[in-house]
Amino acid sequence: MWTFDQLRLVLPAGFEHRAAGIARLVAEELAGLPAPGNVSLRSLSLPPLEIQSGASDRQIAGQVARSIASTVGGGSSALNP
């Protein structure tokens, strides 16, 4: 199971009103992805994501969730245990 104490998204200008919905959808998207074993991190930084113009909140959330899963599963140097 994925568990987060805090999720902070940095979105481009104009997306501020979409942040809460995108964050909720990230959680929903992660629920459908396999969670890593017993991993505990203080923080996790993702590389910037390229978002297509006109992307829906669900599409953006899917990209973020897949990036989280890939980074955690891949043991990236972006991890801060």
PDB file of N, CA and C in Angstrom:
ATOM      1  N   MET A   1       0.842  -1.174   0.000  1.00  0.00           N
ATOM      2  CA  MET A   1       0.000   0.000   0.000  1.00  0.00           C
ATOM      3  C   MET A   1       0.888   1.238   0.000  1.00  0.00           C
ATOM      4  N   TRP A   2       0.532   2.211  -0.807  1.00  0.00           N
ATOM      5  CA  TRP A   2       1.217   3.495  -0.842  1.00  0.00           C
ATOM      6  C   TRP A   2       0.691   4.363   0.289  1.00  0.00           C
ATOM      7  N   THR A   3       1.583   4.978   1.062  1.00  0.00           N
ATOM      8  CA  THR A   3       1.183   5.875   2.138  1.00  0.00           C
ATOM      9  C   THR A   3       2.045   7.134   2.076  1.00  0.00           C
ATOM     10  N   PHE A   4       1.386   8.288   2.109  1.00  0.00           N
ATOM     11  CA  PHE A   4       2.087   9.573   2.077  1.00  0.00           C
ATOM     12  C   PHE A   4       1.606  10.410   3.244  1.00  0.00           C
ATOM     13  N   ASP A   5       2.546  11.083   3.901  1.00  0.00           N
ATOM     14  CA  ASP A   5       2.166  12.068   4.908  1.00  0.00           C
ATOM     15  C   ASP A   5       1.844  13.395   4.237  1.00  0.00           C
ATOM     16  N   GLN A   6       2.541  13.670   3.137  1.00  0.00           N
ATOM     17  CA  GLN A   6       2.358  14.940   2.450  1.00  0.00           C
ATOM     18  C   GLN A   6       2.721  14.766   0.983  1.00  0.00           C
ATOM     19  N   LEU A   7       1.964  15.412   0.132  1.00  0.00           N
ATOM     20  CA  LEU A   7       2.255  15.433  -1.298  1.00  0.00           C
ATOM     21  C   LEU A   7       2.274  16.886  -1.734  1.00  0.00           C
ATOM     22  N   ARG A   8       3.411  17.324  -2.247  1.00  0.00           N
ATOM     23  CA  ARG A   8       3.533  18.711  -2.710  1.00  0.00           C
ATOM     24  C   ARG A   8       3.783  18.679  -4.203  1.00  0.00           C
ATOM     25  N   LEU A   9       2.888  19.272  -4.943  1.00  0.00           N
ATOM     26  CA  LEU A   9       3.021  19.358  -6.388  1.00  0.00           C
ATOM     27  C   LEU A   9       3.421  20.768  -6.774  1.00  0.00           C
ATOM     28  N   VAL A  10       4.367  20.872  -7.671  1.00  0.00           N
ATOM     29  CA  VAL A  10       4.737  22.167  -8.232  1.00  0.00           C
ATOM     30  C   VAL A  10       4.223  22.145  -9.668  1.00  0.00           C
ATOM     31  N   LEU A  11       3.227  22.955  -9.913  1.00  0.00           N
ATOM     32  CA  LEU A  11       2.568  22.976 -11.214  1.00  0.00           C
ATOM     33  C   LEU A  11       2.830  24.300 -11.930  1.00  0.00           C
ATOM     34  N   PRO A  12       2.730  24.285 -13.237  1.00  0.00           N
ATOM     35  CA  PRO A  12       2.926  25.534 -13.986  1.00  0.00           C
ATOM     36  C   PRO A  12       1.866  26.573 -13.637  1.00  0.00           C
ATOM     37  N   ALA A  13       2.190  27.819 -13.894  1.00  0.00           N
ATOM     38  CA  ALA A  13       1.233  28.905 -13.681  1.00  0.00           C
ATOM     39  C   ALA A  13      -0.069  28.589 -14.399  1.00  0.00           C
ATOM     40  N   GLY A  14      -1.159  28.897 -13.747  1.00  0.00           N
ATOM     41  CA  GLY A  14      -2.471  28.643 -14.328  1.00  0.00           C
ATOM     42  C   GLY A  14      -3.080  27.319 -13.883  1.00  0.00           C
ATOM     43  N   PHE A  15      -2.294  26.466 -13.221  1.00  0.00           N
ATOM     44  CA  PHE A  15      -2.779  25.165 -12.770  1.00  0.00           C
ATOM     45  C   PHE A  15      -3.161  25.168 -11.293  1.00  0.00           C
ATOM     46  N   GLU A  16      -2.980  26.294 -10.609  1.00  0.00           N
ATOM     47  CA  GLU A  16      -3.195  26.352  -9.168  1.00  0.00           C
ATOM     48  C   GLU A  16      -4.551  25.804  -8.758  1.00  0.00           C
ATOM     49  N   HIS A  17      -5.590  26.148  -9.486  1.00  0.00           N
ATOM     50  CA  HIS A  17      -6.943  25.712  -9.141  1.00  0.00           C
ATOM     51  C   HIS A  17      -7.153  24.224  -9.392  1.00  0.00           C
ATOM     52  N   ARG A  18      -6.223  23.574 -10.078  1.00  0.00           N
ATOM     53  CA  ARG A  18      -6.350  22.144 -10.391  1.00  0.00           C
ATOM     54  C   ARG A  18      -5.548  21.259  -9.435  1.00  0.00           C
ATOM     55  N   ALA A  19      -4.709  21.859  -8.592  1.00  0.00           N
ATOM     56  CA  ALA A  19      -3.773  21.099  -7.761  1.00  0.00           C
ATOM     57  C   ALA A  19      -4.452  20.090  -6.841  1.00  0.00           C
ATOM     58  N   ALA A  20      -5.487  20.488  -6.133  1.00  0.00           N
ATOM     59  CA  ALA A  20      -6.145  19.569  -5.189  1.00  0.00           C
ATOM     60  C   ALA A  20      -6.735  18.366  -5.919  1.00  0.00           C
ATOM     61  N   GLY A  21      -7.377  18.598  -7.035  1.00  0.00           N
ATOM     62  CA  GLY A  21      -7.953  17.505  -7.810  1.00  0.00           C
ATOM     63  C   GLY A  21      -6.896  16.572  -8.373  1.00  0.00           C
ATOM     64  N   ILE A  22      -5.806  17.152  -8.856  1.00  0.00           N
ATOM     65  CA  ILE A  22      -4.720  16.335  -9.392  1.00  0.00           C
ATOM     66  C   ILE A  22      -4.104  15.495  -8.276  1.00  0.00           C
ATOM     67  N   ALA A  23      -3.879  16.087  -7.108  1.00  0.00           N
ATOM     68  CA  ALA A  23      -3.315  15.340  -5.972  1.00  0.00           C
ATOM     69  C   ALA A  23      -4.213  14.158  -5.596  1.00  0.00           C
ATOM     70  N   ARG A  24      -5.520  14.377  -5.561  1.00  0.00           N
ATOM     71  CA  ARG A  24      -6.460  13.292  -5.243  1.00  0.00           C
ATOM     72  C   ARG A  24      -6.376  12.198  -6.292  1.00  0.00           C
ATOM     73  N   LEU A  25      -6.287  12.586  -7.551  1.00  0.00           N
ATOM     74  CA  LEU A  25      -6.205  11.612  -8.630  1.00  0.00           C
ATOM     75  C   LEU A  25      -4.870  10.869  -8.633  1.00  0.00           C
ATOM     76  N   VAL A  26      -3.797  11.518  -8.194  1.00  0.00           N
ATOM     77  CA  VAL A  26      -2.515  10.820  -8.062  1.00  0.00           C
ATOM     78  C   VAL A  26      -2.682   9.660  -7.082  1.00  0.00           C
ATOM     79  N   ALA A  27      -3.337   9.915  -5.960  1.00  0.00           N
ATOM     80  CA  ALA A  27      -3.578   8.848  -4.975  1.00  0.00           C
ATOM     81  C   ALA A  27      -4.399   7.718  -5.589  1.00  0.00           C
ATOM     82  N   GLU A  28      -5.436   8.060  -6.342  1.00  0.00           N
ATOM     83  CA  GLU A  28      -6.255   7.032  -6.993  1.00  0.00           C
ATOM     84  C   GLU A  28      -5.435   6.230  -7.994  1.00  0.00           C
ATOM     85  N   GLU A  29      -4.608   6.911  -8.775  1.00  0.00           N
ATOM     86  CA  GLU A  29      -3.765   6.229  -9.766  1.00  0.00           C
ATOM     87  C   GLU A  29      -2.762   5.306  -9.080  1.00  0.00           C
ATOM     88  N   LEU A  30      -2.149   5.773  -7.987  1.00  0.00           N
ATOM     89  CA  LEU A  30      -1.185   4.933  -7.268  1.00  0.00           C
ATOM     90  C   LEU A  30      -1.853   3.694  -6.680  1.00  0.00           C
ATOM     91  N   ALA A  31      -3.106   3.821  -6.301  1.00  0.00           N
ATOM     92  CA  ALA A  31      -3.824   2.665  -5.739  1.00  0.00           C
ATOM     93  C   ALA A  31      -3.898   1.521  -6.746  1.00  0.00           C
ATOM     94  N   GLY A  32      -3.839   1.832  -8.017  1.00  0.00           N
ATOM     95  CA  GLY A  32      -3.894   0.808  -9.044  1.00  0.00           C
ATOM     96  C   GLY A  32      -2.532   0.274  -9.458  1.00  0.00           C
ATOM     97  N   LEU A  33      -1.466   0.806  -8.864  1.00  0.00           N
ATOM     98  CA  LEU A  33      -0.110   0.366  -9.203  1.00  0.00           C
ATOM     99  C   LEU A  33       0.478  -0.440  -8.052  1.00  0.00           C
ATOM    100  N   PRO A  34       1.345  -1.407  -8.361  1.00  0.00           N
ATOM    101  CA  PRO A  34       1.966  -2.184  -7.284  1.00  0.00           C
ATOM    102  C   PRO A  34       2.820  -1.291  -6.390  1.00  0.00           C
ATOM    103  N   ALA A  35       2.653  -1.435  -5.105  1.00  0.00           N
ATOM    104  CA  ALA A  35       3.445  -0.659  -4.143  1.00  0.00           C
ATOM    105  C   ALA A  35       4.748  -1.400  -3.870  1.00  0.00           C
ATOM    106  N   PRO A  36       5.800  -0.644  -3.595  1.00  0.00           N
ATOM    107  CA  PRO A  36       7.075  -1.291  -3.271  1.00  0.00           C
ATOM    108  C   PRO A  36       6.984  -1.994  -1.928  1.00  0.00           C
ATOM    109  N   GLY A  37       7.964  -2.832  -1.658  1.00  0.00           N
ATOM    110  CA  GLY A  37       8.017  -3.483  -0.345  1.00  0.00           C
ATOM    111  C   GLY A  37       8.139  -2.445   0.747  1.00  0.00           C
ATOM    112  N   ASN A  38       8.613  -2.845   1.846  1.00  0.00           N
ATOM    113  CA  ASN A  38       8.710  -2.011   3.035  1.00  0.00           C
ATOM    114  C   ASN A  38       9.736  -0.891   2.835  1.00  0.00           C
ATOM    115  N   VAL A  39       9.329   0.215   2.206  1.00  0.00           N
ATOM    116  CA  VAL A  39      10.202   1.354   1.930  1.00  0.00           C
ATOM    117  C   VAL A  39       9.677   2.565   2.669  1.00  0.00           C
ATOM    118  N   SER A  40      10.581   3.263   3.343  1.00  0.00           N
ATOM    119  CA  SER A  40      10.211   4.493   4.039  1.00  0.00           C
ATOM    120  C   SER A  40      11.182   5.582   3.610  1.00  0.00           C
ATOM    121  N   LEU A  41      10.639   6.703   3.149  1.00  0.00           N
ATOM    122  CA  LEU A  41      11.458   7.810   2.658  1.00  0.00           C
ATOM    123  C   LEU A  41      11.052   9.105   3.329  1.00  0.00           C
ATOM    124  N   ARG A  42      12.030   9.955   3.601  1.00  0.00           N
ATOM    125  CA  ARG A  42      11.712  11.295   4.102  1.00  0.00           C
ATOM    126  C   ARG A  42      11.168  12.158   2.992  1.00  0.00           C
ATOM    127  N   SER A  43      11.731  11.991   1.794  1.00  0.00           N
ATOM    128  CA  SER A  43      11.262  12.781   0.660  1.00  0.00           C
ATOM    129  C   SER A  43      11.597  12.054  -0.634  1.00  0.00           C
ATOM    130  N   LEU A  44      10.937  12.466  -1.664  1.00  0.00           N
ATOM    131  CA  LEU A  44      11.140  11.911  -2.997  1.00  0.00           C
ATOM    132  C   LEU A  44      10.959  13.052  -3.987  1.00  0.00           C
ATOM    133  N   SER A  45      11.965  13.290  -4.805  1.00  0.00           N
ATOM    134  CA  SER A  45      11.881  14.332  -5.823  1.00  0.00           C
ATOM    135  C   SER A  45      11.812  13.669  -7.186  1.00  0.00           C
ATOM    136  N   LEU A  46      10.902  14.130  -7.983  1.00  0.00           N
ATOM    137  CA  LEU A  46      10.745  13.602  -9.333  1.00  0.00           C
ATOM    138  C   LEU A  46      11.334  14.571 -10.338  1.00  0.00           C
ATOM    139  N   PRO A  47      11.783  14.047 -11.465  1.00  0.00           N
ATOM    140  CA  PRO A  47      12.233  14.957 -12.520  1.00  0.00           C
ATOM    141  C   PRO A  47      11.027  15.708 -13.077  1.00  0.00           C
ATOM    142  N   PRO A  48      11.242  16.848 -13.691  1.00  0.00           N
ATOM    143  CA  PRO A  48      10.115  17.567 -14.310  1.00  0.00           C
ATOM    144  C   PRO A  48       9.433  16.676 -15.352  1.00  0.00           C
ATOM    145  N   LEU A  49       8.130  16.762 -15.401  1.00  0.00           N
ATOM    146  CA  LEU A  49       7.356  15.981 -16.362  1.00  0.00           C
ATOM    147  C   LEU A  49       6.898  16.890 -17.494  1.00  0.00           C
ATOM    148  N   GLU A  50       6.934  16.389 -18.685  1.00  0.00           N
ATOM    149  CA  GLU A  50       6.426  17.145 -19.817  1.00  0.00           C
ATOM    150  C   GLU A  50       4.941  16.837 -19.961  1.00  0.00           C
ATOM    151  N   ILE A  51       4.130  17.844 -19.788  1.00  0.00           N
ATOM    152  CA  ILE A  51       2.674  17.693 -19.842  1.00  0.00           C
ATOM    153  C   ILE A  51       2.178  18.275 -21.167  1.00  0.00           C
ATOM    154  N   GLN A  52       1.400  17.495 -21.871  1.00  0.00           N
ATOM    155  CA  GLN A  52       0.841  17.944 -23.144  1.00  0.00           C
ATOM    156  C   GLN A  52      -0.214  19.028 -22.906  1.00  0.00           C
ATOM    157  N   SER A  53      -0.228  20.001 -23.761  1.00  0.00           N
ATOM    158  CA  SER A  53      -1.240  21.042 -23.686  1.00  0.00           C
ATOM    159  C   SER A  53      -2.618  20.399 -23.781  1.00  0.00           C
ATOM    160  N   GLY A  54      -3.506  20.788 -22.915  1.00  0.00           N
ATOM    161  CA  GLY A  54      -4.858  20.247 -22.929  1.00  0.00           C
ATOM    162  C   GLY A  54      -5.004  18.930 -22.192  1.00  0.00           C
ATOM    163  N   ALA A  55      -3.944  18.463 -21.503  1.00  0.00           N
ATOM    164  CA  ALA A  55      -4.023  17.204 -20.754  1.00  0.00           C
ATOM    165  C   ALA A  55      -5.049  17.333 -19.629  1.00  0.00           C
ATOM    166  N   SER A  56      -5.799  16.279 -19.427  1.00  0.00           N
ATOM    167  CA  SER A  56      -6.793  16.267 -18.350  1.00  0.00           C
ATOM    168  C   SER A  56      -6.087  16.076 -17.005  1.00  0.00           C
ATOM    169  N   ASP A  57      -6.803  16.382 -15.926  1.00  0.00           N
ATOM    170  CA  ASP A  57      -6.256  16.164 -14.588  1.00  0.00           C
ATOM    171  C   ASP A  57      -5.886  14.697 -14.406  1.00  0.00           C
ATOM    172  N   ARG A  58      -6.702  13.792 -14.908  1.00  0.00           N
ATOM    173  CA  ARG A  58      -6.440  12.347 -14.782  1.00  0.00           C
ATOM    174  C   ARG A  58      -5.162  11.972 -15.540  1.00  0.00           C
ATOM    175  N   GLN A  59      -4.951  12.537 -16.720  1.00  0.00           N
ATOM    176  CA  GLN A  59      -3.736  12.237 -17.482  1.00  0.00           C
ATOM    177  C   GLN A  59      -2.492  12.745 -16.745  1.00  0.00           C
ATOM    178  N   ILE A  60      -2.581  13.936 -16.196  1.00  0.00           N
ATOM    179  CA  ILE A  60      -1.467  14.498 -15.438  1.00  0.00           C
ATOM    180  C   ILE A  60      -1.194  13.632 -14.210  1.00  0.00           C
ATOM    181  N   ALA A  61      -2.240  13.267 -13.494  1.00  0.00           N
ATOM    182  CA  ALA A  61      -2.093  12.438 -12.298  1.00  0.00           C
ATOM    183  C   ALA A  61      -1.475  11.089 -12.651  1.00  0.00           C
ATOM    184  N   GLY A  62      -1.869  10.519 -13.775  1.00  0.00           N
ATOM    185  CA  GLY A  62      -1.299   9.247 -14.204  1.00  0.00           C
ATOM    186  C   GLY A  62       0.193   9.362 -14.454  1.00  0.00           C
ATOM    187  N   GLN A  63       0.606  10.451 -15.089  1.00  0.00           N
ATOM    188  CA  GLN A  63       2.037  10.664 -15.328  1.00  0.00           C
ATOM    189  C   GLN A  63       2.794  10.797 -14.010  1.00  0.00           C
ATOM    190  N   VAL A  64       2.231  11.556 -13.074  1.00  0.00           N
ATOM    191  CA  VAL A  64       2.885  11.739 -11.777  1.00  0.00           C
ATOM    192  C   VAL A  64       2.970  10.405 -11.040  1.00  0.00           C
ATOM    193  N   ALA A  65       1.870   9.652 -11.008  1.00  0.00           N
ATOM    194  CA  ALA A  65       1.850   8.368 -10.300  1.00  0.00           C
ATOM    195  C   ALA A  65       2.857   7.393 -10.908  1.00  0.00           C
ATOM    196  N   ARG A  66       2.905   7.310 -12.225  1.00  0.00           N
ATOM    197  CA  ARG A  66       3.861   6.400 -12.869  1.00  0.00           C
ATOM    198  C   ARG A  66       5.302   6.824 -12.593  1.00  0.00           C
ATOM    199  N   SER A  67       5.535   8.125 -12.540  1.00  0.00           N
ATOM    200  CA  SER A  67       6.871   8.615 -12.235  1.00  0.00           C
ATOM    201  C   SER A  67       7.259   8.272 -10.796  1.00  0.00           C
ATOM    202  N   ILE A  68       6.322   8.414  -9.870  1.00  0.00           N
ATOM    203  CA  ILE A  68       6.577   8.034  -8.475  1.00  0.00           C
ATOM    204  C   ILE A  68       6.910   6.550  -8.399  1.00  0.00           C
ATOM    205  N   ALA A  69       6.063   5.719  -9.000  1.00  0.00           N
ATOM    206  CA  ALA A  69       6.265   4.270  -8.943  1.00  0.00           C
ATOM    207  C   ALA A  69       7.589   3.879  -9.581  1.00  0.00           C
ATOM    208  N   SER A  70       7.922   4.488 -10.708  1.00  0.00           N
ATOM    209  CA  SER A  70       9.169   4.180 -11.401  1.00  0.00           C
ATOM    210  C   SER A  70      10.379   4.592 -10.579  1.00  0.00           C
ATOM    211  N   THR A  71      10.321   5.772  -9.986  1.00  0.00           N
ATOM    212  CA  THR A  71      11.438   6.271  -9.200  1.00  0.00           C
ATOM    213  C   THR A  71      11.649   5.427  -7.937  1.00  0.00           C
ATOM    214  N   VAL A  72      10.584   5.109  -7.250  1.00  0.00           N
ATOM    215  CA  VAL A  72      10.696   4.287  -6.039  1.00  0.00           C
ATOM    216  C   VAL A  72      11.123   2.867  -6.397  1.00  0.00           C
ATOM    217  N   GLY A  73      10.528   2.314  -7.425  1.00  0.00           N
ATOM    218  CA  GLY A  73      10.847   0.949  -7.832  1.00  0.00           C
ATOM    219  C   GLY A  73      12.215   0.808  -8.441  1.00  0.00           C
ATOM    220  N   GLY A  74      12.720   1.890  -9.035  1.00  0.00           N
ATOM    221  CA  GLY A  74      14.000   1.836  -9.704  1.00  0.00           C
ATOM    222  C   GLY A  74      15.183   2.209  -8.834  1.00  0.00           C
ATOM    223  N   GLY A  75      14.917   2.575  -7.577  1.00  0.00           N
ATOM    224  CA  GLY A  75      16.008   2.928  -6.670  1.00  0.00           C
ATOM    225  C   GLY A  75      16.783   4.150  -7.123  1.00  0.00           C
ATOM    226  N   SER A  76      16.083   5.125  -7.674  1.00  0.00           N
ATOM    227  CA  SER A  76      16.726   6.327  -8.214  1.00  0.00           C
ATOM    228  C   SER A  76      17.466   7.110  -7.146  1.00  0.00           C
ATOM    229  N   SER A  77      18.446   7.894  -7.587  1.00  0.00           N
ATOM    230  CA  SER A  77      19.187   8.759  -6.675  1.00  0.00           C
ATOM    231  C   SER A  77      18.319   9.904  -6.166  1.00  0.00           C
ATOM    232  N   ALA A  78      17.103  10.024  -6.676  1.00  0.00           N
ATOM    233  CA  ALA A  78      16.193  11.075  -6.209  1.00  0.00           C
ATOM    234  C   ALA A  78      15.610  10.727  -4.845  1.00  0.00           C
ATOM    235  N   LEU A  79      15.901   9.530  -4.344  1.00  0.00           N
ATOM    236  CA  LEU A  79      15.364   9.103  -3.063  1.00  0.00           C
ATOM    237  C   LEU A  79      16.198   9.671  -1.923  1.00  0.00           C
ATOM    238  N   ASN A  80      15.530  10.042  -0.850  1.00  0.00           N
ATOM    239  CA  ASN A  80      16.196  10.525   0.353  1.00  0.00           C
ATOM    240  C   ASN A  80      15.705   9.719   1.533  1.00  0.00           C
ATOM    241  N   PRO A  81      16.330   8.556   1.823  1.00  0.00           N
ATOM    242  CA  PRO A  81      15.856   7.706   2.929  1.00  0.00           C
ATOM    243  C   PRO A  81      16.036   8.365   4.274  1.00  0.00           C
TER     244      PRO A  81
END
